[in-house]
Protein backbone atom coordinates (compact mmCIF):
# COMPACT_ATOMS: atom_id res chain seq x y z
CA MET A 1 33.40 80.16 136.69
CA ASN A 2 29.84 81.64 136.83
CA GLU A 3 29.05 82.47 140.38
CA SER A 4 25.70 84.11 139.70
CA TRP A 5 23.78 80.77 140.12
CA TYR A 6 24.59 80.60 143.89
CA GLN A 7 24.23 84.27 144.79
CA LYS A 8 21.51 83.40 147.20
CA GLY A 9 23.83 80.94 148.98
CA LEU A 10 23.95 77.14 149.25
CA ARG A 11 22.97 74.80 151.99
CA PHE A 12 25.30 72.23 153.43
CA GLU A 13 25.69 70.17 156.62
CA CYS A 14 28.32 67.38 156.92
CA LYS A 15 26.44 64.15 157.79
CA ARG A 16 29.84 62.35 158.48
CA CYS A 17 28.76 59.66 156.13
CA GLY A 18 32.27 59.40 154.73
CA GLY A 19 31.36 59.55 150.94
CA CYS A 20 34.16 61.98 150.33
CA CYS A 21 36.61 60.04 152.44
CA ARG A 22 36.15 56.57 151.07
CA GLY A 23 36.40 54.58 147.94
CA GLU A 24 38.05 56.49 145.21
CA PRO A 25 41.78 56.87 145.37
CA GLY A 26 43.03 60.55 145.35
CA TYR A 27 44.93 62.95 147.33
CA VAL A 28 44.32 64.78 150.56
CA TRP A 29 46.78 67.53 150.51
CA LEU A 30 48.00 69.06 153.74
CA SER A 31 50.35 71.81 154.69
CA GLY A 32 53.14 71.88 157.22
CA PRO A 33 50.93 73.53 159.88
CA GLU A 34 48.07 71.07 159.15
CA ALA A 35 50.63 68.08 159.65
CA ILE A 36 51.68 69.57 162.93
CA ALA A 37 48.14 70.06 164.08
CA VAL A 38 47.25 66.44 163.20
CA ALA A 39 50.42 65.05 164.63
CA GLY A 40 49.71 66.85 167.94
CA PHE A 41 46.06 65.77 167.92
CA LEU A 42 47.36 62.08 167.65
CA GLY A 43 50.05 62.58 170.30
CA MET A 44 52.86 61.94 167.77
CA THR A 45 55.95 63.73 166.62
CA VAL A 46 55.67 65.34 163.29
CA VAL A 47 58.41 63.04 161.97
CA ALA A 48 56.65 59.91 163.12
CA PHE A 49 53.25 61.26 161.72
CA ASP A 50 54.92 62.01 158.48
CA GLU A 51 56.59 58.61 158.16
CA GLN A 52 53.42 56.72 159.04
CA PHE A 53 50.64 58.58 157.39
CA CYS A 54 52.04 60.81 154.63
CA ARG A 55 53.48 60.48 151.09
CA ARG A 56 55.35 63.14 149.14
CA LEU A 57 54.33 63.90 145.46
CA GLY A 58 56.81 66.46 144.21
CA GLU A 59 56.87 69.27 146.59
CA ARG A 60 53.53 68.38 148.11
CA THR A 61 52.42 66.16 150.91
CA SER A 62 49.34 63.93 150.92
CA LEU A 63 47.70 61.61 153.41
CA ILE A 64 48.17 57.89 152.46
CA GLU A 65 45.15 55.78 151.73
CA LYS A 66 44.11 52.33 152.86
CA THR A 67 44.33 49.60 150.21
CA ASN A 68 40.67 50.02 149.46
CA GLY A 69 41.09 53.76 148.66
CA ASP A 70 39.59 55.07 151.89
CA CYS A 71 41.45 57.78 153.80
CA VAL A 72 43.74 56.43 156.37
CA PHE A 73 41.89 58.26 159.01
CA TRP A 74 38.41 56.99 158.07
CA GLU A 75 37.03 54.51 160.61
CA HIS A 76 33.67 52.86 159.91
CA THR A 77 32.66 53.03 163.59
CA ILE A 78 33.41 56.79 164.23
CA GLY A 79 33.92 58.37 160.77
CA CYS A 80 36.81 60.72 160.42
CA SER A 81 39.17 60.02 163.50
CA ILE A 82 40.89 63.56 162.99
CA TYR A 83 37.69 65.51 162.24
CA PRO A 84 38.53 68.37 164.58
CA VAL A 85 41.85 69.04 162.86
CA ARG A 86 41.14 67.64 159.36
CA PRO A 87 43.01 69.44 156.55
CA THR A 88 41.59 72.49 154.75
CA GLN A 89 40.83 70.35 151.68
CA CYS A 90 38.52 68.30 153.92
CA ARG A 91 37.13 71.38 155.70
CA THR A 92 36.18 73.22 152.61
CA PHE A 93 34.29 70.36 151.01
CA PRO A 94 31.82 70.48 149.11
CA PHE A 95 32.81 74.10 148.22
CA TRP A 96 35.42 73.02 145.66
CA LYS A 97 35.61 74.84 142.30
CA GLN A 98 34.34 71.71 140.32
CA ASN A 99 31.46 71.17 142.69
CA VAL A 100 30.13 74.82 142.55
CA SER A 101 31.00 75.58 138.88
CA SER A 102 27.34 75.23 137.92
CA ASP A 103 23.94 74.38 139.32
CA THR A 104 24.24 71.11 137.38
CA SER A 105 27.48 70.13 139.13
CA TRP A 106 25.98 70.94 142.58
CA LYS A 107 22.91 68.86 141.87
CA THR A 108 25.08 66.03 140.54
CA LEU A 109 27.10 66.13 143.92
CA ALA A 110 23.87 66.09 145.80
CA LYS A 111 23.14 62.66 144.49
CA ARG A 112 26.28 61.35 146.24
CA CYS A 113 26.46 63.61 149.28
CA PRO A 114 23.38 63.55 151.66
CA GLY A 115 24.56 66.88 153.25
CA VAL A 116 24.31 68.91 150.08
CA GLY A 117 21.01 71.13 150.09
CA HIS A 118 20.60 70.63 153.85
CA GLY A 119 21.61 72.40 157.07
CA LYS A 120 23.49 75.70 157.24
CA LEU A 121 23.03 78.34 154.46
CA TYR A 122 26.45 79.46 153.14
CA LYS A 123 26.37 82.87 151.62
CA ALA A 124 28.12 83.47 148.38
CA GLU A 125 30.94 85.41 149.98
CA GLU A 126 31.76 82.50 152.30
CA ILE A 127 31.55 80.00 149.37
CA ARG A 128 34.13 82.14 147.57
CA LYS A 129 36.36 82.17 150.50
CA ARG A 130 36.22 78.35 150.86
CA ILE A 131 37.00 77.88 147.10
CA GLY A 132 39.96 80.28 147.48
CA LYS A 133 41.46 78.25 150.38
CA ASN A 134 41.30 75.10 148.35
CA THR A 135 42.91 76.20 145.06
């Protein structure tokens, strides 16, 4: 991946629009510690949280989705109902390898995500750290 194009950093501010949480089916991977944090935030046991909100895919765990493809924790009136304890995958968006692989991919994402290009300036080092946490 060519990182030189974002050496001056990239701006992003989550607008909590839910564009990355809604519509397309996919996976929101979470680790054991993340499941514990979300369960605690919801006031549930880890076992109850796992049974109600998770699915296993091989050795990995993902949050389930609503029938329309939305994340199970997306609520139209408030947005992400677990935002303070959302999984790393959610916390590192939009700094995923495929989104920052080129200036073109970043601009393409900006057409769908109103927070891209706005808000806080993330330095290249911070972007690389976020990519590393999500691989």
